[in-house]
PDB file of N, CA and C in Angstrom:
ATOM      1  N   MET A   1       0.862  -1.163  -0.013  1.00  0.00           N
ATOM      2  CA  MET A   1      -0.026  -0.033  -0.039  1.00  0.00           C
ATOM      3  C   MET A   1       0.942   1.218   0.006  1.00  0.00           C
ATOM      4  N   ALA A   2       0.342   2.304  -0.537  1.00  0.00           N
ATOM      5  CA  ALA A   2       1.205   3.509  -0.746  1.00  0.00           C
ATOM      6  C   ALA A   2       0.341   4.809  -0.727  1.00  0.00           C
ATOM      7  N   ASN A   3       0.954   5.841  -0.442  1.00  0.00           N
ATOM      8  CA  ASN A   3       0.446   7.198  -0.714  1.00  0.00           C
ATOM      9  C   ASN A   3       1.509   8.021  -1.460  1.00  0.00           C
ATOM     10  N   LYS A   4       1.311   9.292  -1.436  1.00  0.00           N
ATOM     11  CA  LYS A   4       2.294  10.100  -2.255  1.00  0.00           C
ATOM     12  C   LYS A   4       3.658  10.261  -1.619  1.00  0.00           C
ATOM     13  N   THR A   5       3.710   9.965  -0.241  1.00  0.00           N
ATOM     14  CA  THR A   5       5.108  10.135   0.303  1.00  0.00           C
ATOM     15  C   THR A   5       5.736   8.854   0.850  1.00  0.00           C
ATOM     16  N   LYS A   6       4.826   7.788   1.171  1.00  0.00           N
ATOM     17  CA  LYS A   6       5.318   6.629   1.782  1.00  0.00           C
ATOM     18  C   LYS A   6       4.741   5.366   1.038  1.00  0.00           C
ATOM     19  N   THR A   7       5.554   4.405   0.927  1.00  0.00           N
ATOM     20  CA  THR A   7       5.117   3.014   0.431  1.00  0.00           C
ATOM     21  C   THR A   7       5.361   2.042   1.579  1.00  0.00           C
ATOM     22  N   VAL A   8       4.360   1.156   1.872  1.00  0.00           N
ATOM     23  CA  VAL A   8       4.513   0.195   2.959  1.00  0.00           C
ATOM     24  C   VAL A   8       4.459  -1.166   2.354  1.00  0.00           C
ATOM     25  N   ALA A   9       5.454  -1.982   2.790  1.00  0.00           N
ATOM     26  CA  ALA A   9       5.373  -3.509   2.353  1.00  0.00           C
ATOM     27  C   ALA A   9       5.356  -4.225   3.621  1.00  0.00           C
ATOM     28  N   TYR A  10       4.525  -5.295   3.662  1.00  0.00           N
ATOM     29  CA  TYR A  10       4.444  -6.216   4.785  1.00  0.00           C
ATOM     30  C   TYR A  10       4.931  -7.572   4.305  1.00  0.00           C
ATOM     31  N   VAL A  11       6.067  -7.966   4.859  1.00  0.00           N
ATOM     32  CA  VAL A  11       6.689  -9.275   4.602  1.00  0.00           C
ATOM     33  C   VAL A  11       6.842 -10.145   5.818  1.00  0.00           C
ATOM     34  N   LYS A  12       6.126 -11.269   5.991  1.00  0.00           N
ATOM     35  CA  LYS A  12       6.315 -12.187   7.030  1.00  0.00           C
ATOM     36  C   LYS A  12       6.203 -11.430   8.426  1.00  0.00           C
ATOM     37  N   ASP A  13       7.260 -11.100   9.088  1.00  0.00           N
ATOM     38  CA  ASP A  13       7.184 -10.631  10.454  1.00  0.00           C
ATOM     39  C   ASP A  13       7.702  -9.158  10.542  1.00  0.00           C
ATOM     40  N   ARG A  14       7.719  -8.532   9.396  1.00  0.00           N
ATOM     41  CA  ARG A  14       8.237  -7.114   9.406  1.00  0.00           C
ATOM     42  C   ARG A  14       7.393  -6.250   8.415  1.00  0.00           C
ATOM     43  N   ILE A  15       7.301  -5.002   8.947  1.00  0.00           N
ATOM     44  CA  ILE A  15       6.698  -3.881   8.106  1.00  0.00           C
ATOM     45  C   ILE A  15       7.893  -2.983   7.639  1.00  0.00           C
ATOM     46  N   HIS A  16       8.010  -2.810   6.282  1.00  0.00           N
ATOM     47  CA  HIS A  16       9.038  -2.061   5.735  1.00  0.00           C
ATOM     48  C   HIS A  16       8.471  -0.658   5.239  1.00  0.00           C
ATOM     49  N   ILE A  17       9.062   0.369   5.495  1.00  0.00           N
ATOM     50  CA  ILE A  17       8.516   1.854   5.071  1.00  0.00           C
ATOM     51  C   ILE A  17       9.426   2.388   4.180  1.00  0.00           C
ATOM     52  N   TYR A  18       9.060   2.702   2.983  1.00  0.00           N
ATOM     53  CA  TYR A  18       9.873   3.355   2.013  1.00  0.00           C
ATOM     54  C   TYR A  18       9.450   4.783   1.692  1.00  0.00           C
ATOM     55  N   ASN A  19      10.374   5.614   1.282  1.00  0.00           N
ATOM     56  CA  ASN A  19       9.968   6.905   0.602  1.00  0.00           C
ATOM     57  C   ASN A  19       9.444   6.578  -0.846  1.00  0.00           C
ATOM     58  N   THR A  20       8.328   7.089  -1.127  1.00  0.00           N
ATOM     59  CA  THR A  20       7.659   6.821  -2.485  1.00  0.00           C
ATOM     60  C   THR A  20       8.507   7.337  -3.546  1.00  0.00           C
ATOM     61  N   VAL A  21       9.108   8.505  -3.451  1.00  0.00           N
ATOM     62  CA  VAL A  21       9.813   9.244  -4.450  1.00  0.00           C
ATOM     63  C   VAL A  21      10.990   8.359  -4.982  1.00  0.00           C
ATOM     64  N   ASP A  22      11.919   7.949  -4.013  1.00  0.00           N
ATOM     65  CA  ASP A  22      13.177   7.329  -4.411  1.00  0.00           C
ATOM     66  C   ASP A  22      13.222   5.789  -3.928  1.00  0.00           C
ATOM     67  N   MET A  23      12.082   5.380  -3.377  1.00  0.00           N
ATOM     68  CA  MET A  23      12.093   3.934  -2.892  1.00  0.00           C
ATOM     69  C   MET A  23      13.258   3.550  -1.897  1.00  0.00           C
ATOM     70  N   LYS A  24      13.657   4.611  -1.079  1.00  0.00           N
ATOM     71  CA  LYS A  24      14.692   4.325  -0.111  1.00  0.00           C
ATOM     72  C   LYS A  24      14.015   3.757   1.163  1.00  0.00           C
ATOM     73  N   LEU A  25      14.478   2.676   1.715  1.00  0.00           N
ATOM     74  CA  LEU A  25      14.095   2.204   2.893  1.00  0.00           C
ATOM     75  C   LEU A  25      14.357   3.143   4.089  1.00  0.00           C
ATOM     76  N   VAL A  26      13.321   3.630   4.801  1.00  0.00           N
ATOM     77  CA  VAL A  26      13.458   4.491   5.886  1.00  0.00           C
ATOM     78  C   VAL A  26      13.261   3.890   7.361  1.00  0.00           C
ATOM     79  N   ARG A  27      12.463   2.859   7.323  1.00  0.00           N
ATOM     80  CA  ARG A  27      12.278   2.171   8.639  1.00  0.00           C
ATOM     81  C   ARG A  27      11.579   0.867   8.474  1.00  0.00           C
ATOM     82  N   SER A  28      11.977  -0.058   9.462  1.00  0.00           N
ATOM     83  CA  SER A  28      11.432  -1.395   9.574  1.00  0.00           C
ATOM     84  C   SER A  28      10.933  -1.611  10.912  1.00  0.00           C
ATOM     85  N   ILE A  29       9.649  -2.251  10.903  1.00  0.00           N
ATOM     86  CA  ILE A  29       9.121  -2.481  12.278  1.00  0.00           C
ATOM     87  C   ILE A  29       9.000  -4.002  12.406  1.00  0.00           C
ATOM     88  N   SER A  30       9.545  -4.558  13.424  1.00  0.00           N
ATOM     89  CA  SER A  30       9.429  -6.002  13.706  1.00  0.00           C
ATOM     90  C   SER A  30       8.059  -6.380  14.394  1.00  0.00           C
ATOM     91  N   LEU A  31       7.437  -7.491  13.912  1.00  0.00           N
ATOM     92  CA  LEU A  31       6.210  -7.804  14.550  1.00  0.00           C
ATOM     93  C   LEU A  31       6.364  -9.199  15.276  1.00  0.00           C
ATOM     94  N   ASN A  32       5.428  -9.398  16.223  1.00  0.00           N
ATOM     95  CA  ASN A  32       5.426 -10.622  16.960  1.00  0.00           C
ATOM     96  C   ASN A  32       4.470 -11.646  16.259  1.00  0.00           C
ATOM     97  N   TYR A  33       3.611 -11.060  15.485  1.00  0.00           N
ATOM     98  CA  TYR A  33       2.564 -11.857  14.928  1.00  0.00           C
ATOM     99  C   TYR A  33       2.637 -11.912  13.396  1.00  0.00           C
ATOM    100  N   MET A  34       2.677 -13.048  12.787  1.00  0.00           N
ATOM    101  CA  MET A  34       2.982 -13.084  11.372  1.00  0.00           C
ATOM    102  C   MET A  34       1.797 -12.923  10.439  1.00  0.00           C
ATOM    103  N   GLN A  35       0.452 -12.657  10.947  1.00  0.00           N
ATOM    104  CA  GLN A  35      -0.616 -12.452  10.196  1.00  0.00           C
ATOM    105  C   GLN A  35      -1.273 -11.086  10.508  1.00  0.00           C
ATOM    106  N   SER A  36      -0.476 -10.134  10.579  1.00  0.00           N
ATOM    107  CA  SER A  36      -0.874  -8.783  11.087  1.00  0.00           C
ATOM    108  C   SER A  36      -1.759  -8.125  10.061  1.00  0.00           C
ATOM    109  N   LYS A  37      -2.607  -7.272  10.408  1.00  0.00           N
ATOM    110  CA  LYS A  37      -3.448  -6.461   9.593  1.00  0.00           C
ATOM    111  C   LYS A  37      -2.863  -5.076   9.596  1.00  0.00           C
ATOM    112  N   ILE A  38      -2.688  -4.417   8.434  1.00  0.00           N
ATOM    113  CA  ILE A  38      -2.137  -3.088   8.382  1.00  0.00           C
ATOM    114  C   ILE A  38      -3.108  -2.067   7.606  1.00  0.00           C
ATOM    115  N   ALA A  39      -2.924  -0.838   7.890  1.00  0.00           N
ATOM    116  CA  ALA A  39      -3.652   0.283   7.131  1.00  0.00           C
ATOM    117  C   ALA A  39      -2.830   1.396   7.118  1.00  0.00           C
ATOM    118  N   LEU A  40      -2.763   2.141   5.891  1.00  0.00           N
ATOM    119  CA  LEU A  40      -1.936   3.331   5.747  1.00  0.00           C
ATOM    120  C   LEU A  40      -2.837   4.437   5.340  1.00  0.00           C
ATOM    121  N   SER A  41      -2.708   5.553   6.012  1.00  0.00           N
ATOM    122  CA  SER A  41      -3.517   6.749   5.700  1.00  0.00           C
ATOM    123  C   SER A  41      -3.079   7.274   4.302  1.00  0.00           C
ATOM    124  N   PRO A  42      -4.032   7.586   3.521  1.00  0.00           N
ATOM    125  CA  PRO A  42      -3.856   8.251   2.230  1.00  0.00           C
ATOM    126  C   PRO A  42      -3.382   9.721   2.268  1.00  0.00           C
ATOM    127  N   SER A  43      -3.495  10.324   3.463  1.00  0.00           N
ATOM    128  CA  SER A  43      -3.050  11.729   3.701  1.00  0.00           C
ATOM    129  C   SER A  43      -1.445  11.884   3.710  1.00  0.00           C
ATOM    130  N   ASN A  44      -1.088  12.900   3.195  1.00  0.00           N
ATOM    131  CA  ASN A  44       0.348  13.318   3.133  1.00  0.00           C
ATOM    132  C   ASN A  44       0.698  14.005   4.423  1.00  0.00           C
ATOM    133  N   ASP A  45      -0.265  14.751   5.011  1.00  0.00           N
ATOM    134  CA  ASP A  45       0.018  15.559   6.202  1.00  0.00           C
ATOM    135  C   ASP A  45      -0.089  14.640   7.457  1.00  0.00           C
ATOM    136  N   ASN A  46      -1.161  13.812   7.558  1.00  0.00           N
ATOM    137  CA  ASN A  46      -1.225  12.945   8.659  1.00  0.00           C
ATOM    138  C   ASN A  46      -1.034  11.521   8.159  1.00  0.00           C
ATOM    139  N   CYS A  47       0.224  11.216   7.932  1.00  0.00           N
ATOM    140  CA  CYS A  47       0.575   9.911   7.306  1.00  0.00           C
ATOM    141  C   CYS A  47       0.833   8.837   8.377  1.00  0.00           C
ATOM    142  N   TYR A  48      -0.307   8.193   8.824  1.00  0.00           N
ATOM    143  CA  TYR A  48      -0.207   7.192   9.902  1.00  0.00           C
ATOM    144  C   TYR A  48      -0.381   5.728   9.339  1.00  0.00           C
ATOM    145  N   LEU A  49       0.394   4.926   9.980  1.00  0.00           N
ATOM    146  CA  LEU A  49       0.285   3.404   9.791  1.00  0.00           C
ATOM    147  C   LEU A  49      -0.257   2.838  10.991  1.00  0.00           C
ATOM    148  N   ALA A  50      -1.358   2.041  10.845  1.00  0.00           N
ATOM    149  CA  ALA A  50      -1.956   1.271  11.890  1.00  0.00           C
ATOM    150  C   ALA A  50      -1.709  -0.224  11.621  1.00  0.00           C
ATOM    151  N   TYR A  51      -1.373  -0.945  12.684  1.00  0.00           N
ATOM    152  CA  TYR A  51      -1.094  -2.325  12.547  1.00  0.00           C
ATOM    153  C   TYR A  51      -1.389  -3.130  13.734  1.00  0.00           C
ATOM    154  N   THR A  52      -1.765  -4.349  13.529  1.00  0.00           N
ATOM    155  CA  THR A  52      -2.015  -5.339  14.709  1.00  0.00           C
ATOM    156  C   THR A  52      -0.781  -6.086  15.014  1.00  0.00           C
ATOM    157  N   ASP A  53      -0.481  -6.490  16.191  1.00  0.00           N
ATOM    158  CA  ASP A  53       0.648  -7.248  16.461  1.00  0.00           C
ATOM    159  C   ASP A  53       0.284  -8.451  17.479  1.00  0.00           C
ATOM    160  N   SER A  54      -0.975  -8.859  17.432  1.00  0.00           N
ATOM    161  CA  SER A  54      -1.354  -9.904  18.361  1.00  0.00           C
ATOM    162  C   SER A  54      -2.568 -10.709  17.780  1.00  0.00           C
ATOM    163  N   LEU A  55      -2.554 -11.903  17.990  1.00  0.00           N
ATOM    164  CA  LEU A  55      -3.724 -12.768  17.610  1.00  0.00           C
ATOM    165  C   LEU A  55      -4.765 -12.847  18.743  1.00  0.00           C
ATOM    166  N   VAL A  56      -4.316 -12.704  19.944  1.00  0.00           N
ATOM    167  CA  VAL A  56      -5.150 -12.777  20.971  1.00  0.00           C
ATOM    168  C   VAL A  56      -6.153 -11.708  21.311  1.00  0.00           C
ATOM    169  N   ASN A  57      -5.643 -10.382  21.227  1.00  0.00           N
ATOM    170  CA  ASN A  57      -6.505  -9.366  21.516  1.00  0.00           C
ATOM    171  C   ASN A  57      -6.628  -8.307  20.337  1.00  0.00           C
ATOM    172  N   GLY A  58      -7.550  -7.434  20.465  1.00  0.00           N
ATOM    173  CA  GLY A  58      -7.734  -6.421  19.489  1.00  0.00           C
ATOM    174  C   GLY A  58      -7.009  -5.079  19.639  1.00  0.00           C
ATOM    175  N   THR A  59      -5.769  -5.311  19.881  1.00  0.00           N
ATOM    176  CA  THR A  59      -4.910  -3.998  20.111  1.00  0.00           C
ATOM    177  C   THR A  59      -4.352  -3.661  18.819  1.00  0.00           C
ATOM    178  N   VAL A  60      -4.392  -2.352  18.547  1.00  0.00           N
ATOM    179  CA  VAL A  60      -3.893  -1.693  17.429  1.00  0.00           C
ATOM    180  C   VAL A  60      -2.875  -0.658  17.700  1.00  0.00           C
ATOM    181  N   SER A  61      -1.701  -0.843  17.022  1.00  0.00           N
ATOM    182  CA  SER A  61      -0.517   0.191  17.224  1.00  0.00           C
ATOM    183  C   SER A  61      -0.592   1.188  16.091  1.00  0.00           C
ATOM    184  N   VAL A  62      -0.272   2.443  16.436  1.00  0.00           N
ATOM    185  CA  VAL A  62      -0.285   3.529  15.398  1.00  0.00           C
ATOM    186  C   VAL A  62       1.047   4.159  15.447  1.00  0.00           C
ATOM    187  N   PHE A  63       1.615   4.206  14.174  1.00  0.00           N
ATOM    188  CA  PHE A  63       2.924   4.689  13.957  1.00  0.00           C
ATOM    189  C   PHE A  63       2.888   5.900  12.887  1.00  0.00           C
ATOM    190  N   ASP A  64       3.573   6.971  13.140  1.00  0.00           N
ATOM    191  CA  ASP A  64       3.575   8.175  12.360  1.00  0.00           C
ATOM    192  C   ASP A  64       4.730   7.959  11.456  1.00  0.00           C
ATOM    193  N   THR A  65       4.512   7.775  10.105  1.00  0.00           N
ATOM    194  CA  THR A  65       5.578   7.538   9.225  1.00  0.00           C
ATOM    195  C   THR A  65       6.325   8.724   8.740  1.00  0.00           C
ATOM    196  N   LYS A  66       5.899   9.994   9.190  1.00  0.00           N
ATOM    197  CA  LYS A  66       6.677  11.204   8.852  1.00  0.00           C
ATOM    198  C   LYS A  66       7.699  11.458   9.891  1.00  0.00           C
ATOM    199  N   THR A  67       7.312  11.236  11.178  1.00  0.00           N
ATOM    200  CA  THR A  67       8.216  11.654  12.245  1.00  0.00           C
ATOM    201  C   THR A  67       8.839  10.358  12.980  1.00  0.00           C
ATOM    202  N   PHE A  68       8.335   9.194  12.546  1.00  0.00           N
ATOM    203  CA  PHE A  68       8.782   7.915  12.996  1.00  0.00           C
ATOM    204  C   PHE A  68       8.502   7.782  14.520  1.00  0.00           C
ATOM    205  N   VAL A  69       7.373   8.270  15.013  1.00  0.00           N
ATOM    206  CA  VAL A  69       6.989   8.198  16.353  1.00  0.00           C
ATOM    207  C   VAL A  69       5.958   7.032  16.493  1.00  0.00           C
ATOM    208  N   HIS A  70       6.189   6.116  17.529  1.00  0.00           N
ATOM    209  CA  HIS A  70       5.163   5.083  17.730  1.00  0.00           C
ATOM    210  C   HIS A  70       4.301   5.526  18.809  1.00  0.00           C
ATOM    211  N   TYR A  71       3.025   5.730  18.528  1.00  0.00           N
ATOM    212  CA  TYR A  71       2.119   6.148  19.625  1.00  0.00           C
ATOM    213  C   TYR A  71       1.631   4.848  20.354  1.00  0.00           C
ATOM    214  N   LYS A  72       1.053   5.222  21.531  1.00  0.00           N
ATOM    215  CA  LYS A  72       0.600   4.008  22.321  1.00  0.00           C
ATOM    216  C   LYS A  72      -0.403   3.083  21.617  1.00  0.00           C
ATOM    217  N   ALA A  73      -0.461   1.905  21.904  1.00  0.00           N
ATOM    218  CA  ALA A  73      -1.399   0.873  21.439  1.00  0.00           C
ATOM    219  C   ALA A  73      -2.856   1.341  21.878  1.00  0.00           C
ATOM    220  N   ILE A  74      -3.818   1.082  20.959  1.00  0.00           N
ATOM    221  CA  ILE A  74      -5.133   1.302  21.226  1.00  0.00           C
ATOM    222  C   ILE A  74      -5.824   0.012  21.404  1.00  0.00           C
ATOM    223  N   GLU A  75      -6.596  -0.165  22.529  1.00  0.00           N
ATOM    224  CA  GLU A  75      -7.338  -1.477  22.746  1.00  0.00           C
ATOM    225  C   GLU A  75      -8.674  -1.264  22.137  1.00  0.00           C
ATOM    226  N   ALA A  76      -8.700  -1.763  20.917  1.00  0.00           N
ATOM    227  CA  ALA A  76      -9.946  -1.563  19.999  1.00  0.00           C
ATOM    228  C   ALA A  76     -10.969  -2.522  20.365  1.00  0.00           C
ATOM    229  N   HIS A  77     -10.639  -3.828  20.493  1.00  0.00           N
ATOM    230  CA  HIS A  77     -11.609  -4.865  20.740  1.00  0.00           C
ATOM    231  C   HIS A  77     -11.056  -5.956  21.771  1.00  0.00           C
ATOM    232  N   LYS A  78     -11.999  -6.782  22.121  1.00  0.00           N
ATOM    233  CA  LYS A  78     -11.533  -7.828  22.948  1.00  0.00           C
ATOM    234  C   LYS A  78     -11.115  -9.130  22.260  1.00  0.00           C
ATOM    235  N   SER A  79     -11.607  -9.198  21.044  1.00  0.00           N
ATOM    236  CA  SER A  79     -11.147 -10.254  20.126  1.00  0.00           C
ATOM    237  C   SER A  79     -10.267  -9.711  18.977  1.00  0.00           C
ATOM    238  N   SER A  80      -9.612 -10.524  18.236  1.00  0.00           N
ATOM    239  CA  SER A  80      -8.711 -10.019  17.320  1.00  0.00           C
ATOM    240  C   SER A  80      -9.344  -9.196  16.021  1.00  0.00           C
ATOM    241  N   VAL A  81      -8.588  -8.227  15.617  1.00  0.00           N
ATOM    242  CA  VAL A  81      -9.090  -7.342  14.503  1.00  0.00           C
ATOM    243  C   VAL A  81      -8.943  -7.961  13.191  1.00  0.00           C
ATOM    244  N   VAL A  82      -9.918  -7.896  12.369  1.00  0.00           N
ATOM    245  CA  VAL A  82      -9.816  -8.586  11.043  1.00  0.00           C
ATOM    246  C   VAL A  82      -9.816  -7.552   9.987  1.00  0.00           C
ATOM    247  N   LYS A  83     -10.321  -6.278  10.127  1.00  0.00           N
ATOM    248  CA  LYS A  83     -10.293  -5.253   9.158  1.00  0.00           C
ATOM    249  C   LYS A  83      -9.912  -3.954   9.823  1.00  0.00           C
ATOM    250  N   MET A  84      -9.268  -3.034   9.000  1.00  0.00           N
ATOM    251  CA  MET A  84      -8.925  -1.742   9.539  1.00  0.00           C
ATOM    252  C   MET A  84      -8.991  -0.734   8.349  1.00  0.00           C
ATOM    253  N   ALA A  85      -9.321   0.451   8.611  1.00  0.00           N
ATOM    254  CA  ALA A  85      -9.189   1.473   7.563  1.00  0.00           C
ATOM    255  C   ALA A  85      -9.013   2.795   8.231  1.00  0.00           C
ATOM    256  N   ILE A  86      -8.123   3.695   7.632  1.00  0.00           N
ATOM    257  CA  ILE A  86      -7.923   5.075   8.080  1.00  0.00           C
ATOM    258  C   ILE A  86      -8.508   6.033   7.087  1.00  0.00           C
ATOM    259  N   SER A  87      -9.175   7.073   7.710  1.00  0.00           N
ATOM    260  CA  SER A  87      -9.928   8.141   6.926  1.00  0.00           C
ATOM    261  C   SER A  87      -8.993   8.815   6.088  1.00  0.00           C
ATOM    262  N   HIS A  88      -9.538   9.433   5.001  1.00  0.00           N
ATOM    263  CA  HIS A  88      -8.714  10.225   4.048  1.00  0.00           C
ATOM    264  C   HIS A  88      -7.805  11.226   4.643  1.00  0.00           C
ATOM    265  N   TYR A  89      -8.209  11.906   5.575  1.00  0.00           N
ATOM    266  CA  TYR A  89      -7.383  12.979   6.229  1.00  0.00           C
ATOM    267  C   TYR A  89      -6.420  12.433   7.328  1.00  0.00           C
ATOM    268  N   GLY A  90      -6.561  10.979   7.579  1.00  0.00           N
ATOM    269  CA  GLY A  90      -5.652  10.459   8.651  1.00  0.00           C
ATOM    270  C   GLY A  90      -6.110  10.737   9.964  1.00  0.00           C
ATOM    271  N   THR A  91      -7.315  11.197  10.350  1.00  0.00           N
ATOM    272  CA  THR A  91      -7.762  11.537  11.638  1.00  0.00           C
ATOM    273  C   THR A  91      -8.597  10.471  12.301  1.00  0.00           C
ATOM    274  N   LEU A  92      -9.140   9.601  11.527  1.00  0.00           N
ATOM    275  CA  LEU A  92     -10.009   8.554  12.192  1.00  0.00           C
ATOM    276  C   LEU A  92      -9.550   7.140  11.721  1.00  0.00           C
ATOM    277  N   LEU A  93      -9.626   6.197  12.644  1.00  0.00           N
ATOM    278  CA  LEU A  93      -9.245   4.716  12.440  1.00  0.00           C
ATOM    279  C   LEU A  93     -10.546   3.938  12.649  1.00  0.00           C
ATOM    280  N   ALA A  94     -10.974   3.106  11.765  1.00  0.00           N
ATOM    281  CA  ALA A  94     -12.155   2.165  11.903  1.00  0.00           C
ATOM    282  C   ALA A  94     -11.578   0.808  12.014  1.00  0.00           C
ATOM    283  N   THR A  95     -12.016   0.010  12.994  1.00  0.00           N
ATOM    284  CA  THR A  95     -11.668  -1.330  13.147  1.00  0.00           C
ATOM    285  C   THR A  95     -12.871  -2.216  13.285  1.00  0.00           C
ATOM    286  N   CYS A  96     -12.699  -3.544  12.930  1.00  0.00           N
ATOM    287  CA  CYS A  96     -13.767  -4.502  13.052  1.00  0.00           C
ATOM    288  C   CYS A  96     -13.140  -5.721  13.624  1.00  0.00           C
ATOM    289  N   SER A  97     -13.776  -6.339  14.540  1.00  0.00           N
ATOM    290  CA  SER A  97     -13.307  -7.492  15.195  1.00  0.00           C
ATOM    291  C   SER A  97     -13.725  -8.804  14.541  1.00  0.00           C
ATOM    292  N   GLU A  98     -13.180  -9.910  14.887  1.00  0.00           N
ATOM    293  CA  GLU A  98     -13.699 -11.288  14.205  1.00  0.00           C
ATOM    294  C   GLU A  98     -15.154 -11.539  14.568  1.00  0.00           C
ATOM    295  N   LYS A  99     -15.644 -11.148  15.662  1.00  0.00           N
ATOM    296  CA  LYS A  99     -17.026 -11.344  16.040  1.00  0.00           C
ATOM    297  C   LYS A  99     -17.919 -10.441  15.273  1.00  0.00           C
ATOM    298  N   VAL A 100     -17.488  -9.489  14.639  1.00  0.00           N
ATOM    299  CA  VAL A 100     -18.295  -8.480  13.900  1.00  0.00           C
ATOM    300  C   VAL A 100     -19.508  -7.994  14.624  1.00  0.00           C
ATOM    301  N   ILE A 101     -19.452  -7.817  15.851  1.00  0.00           N
ATOM    302  CA  ILE A 101     -20.491  -7.229  16.681  1.00  0.00           C
ATOM    303  C   ILE A 101     -20.655  -5.783  16.605  1.00  0.00           C
ATOM    304  N   CYS A 102     -19.396  -5.088  16.434  1.00  0.00           N
ATOM    305  CA  CYS A 102     -19.412  -3.680  16.286  1.00  0.00           C
ATOM    306  C   CYS A 102     -18.234  -3.256  15.472  1.00  0.00           C
ATOM    307  N   ILE A 103     -18.347  -2.022  14.924  1.00  0.00           N
ATOM    308  CA  ILE A 103     -17.198  -1.440  14.296  1.00  0.00           C
ATOM    309  C   ILE A 103     -16.878  -0.160  15.028  1.00  0.00           C
ATOM    310  N   ARG A 104     -15.683  -0.058  15.406  1.00  0.00           N
ATOM    311  CA  ARG A 104     -15.228   1.051  16.353  1.00  0.00           C
ATOM    312  C   ARG A 104     -14.400   2.163  15.466  1.00  0.00           C
ATOM    313  N   VAL A 105     -14.749   3.429  15.744  1.00  0.00           N
ATOM    314  CA  VAL A 105     -14.028   4.417  15.154  1.00  0.00           C
ATOM    315  C   VAL A 105     -13.361   5.331  16.168  1.00  0.00           C
TER     316      VAL A 105
END
């Protein structure tokens, strides 16, 4: 997945973040869980990456791909997250759990 400034590649247990312009690797994130879900904001100003790193719970981590700051994890659901999306402006994150009882924003 990509936007105008960053390209994200998810391979096995790592997320690689590249500059879209020159495809230079700028950061890699190690994951504990090999079936992580990821979402990248299409916004260039609020360029956030959200990802799951656990099968057991519905915790989502948020990473700023411009400043390389990892924000605290969000406990979105009690069961694992199966779908995620970030709003166009990068201000909202929607998640859905495997039980599909509710969608949280």
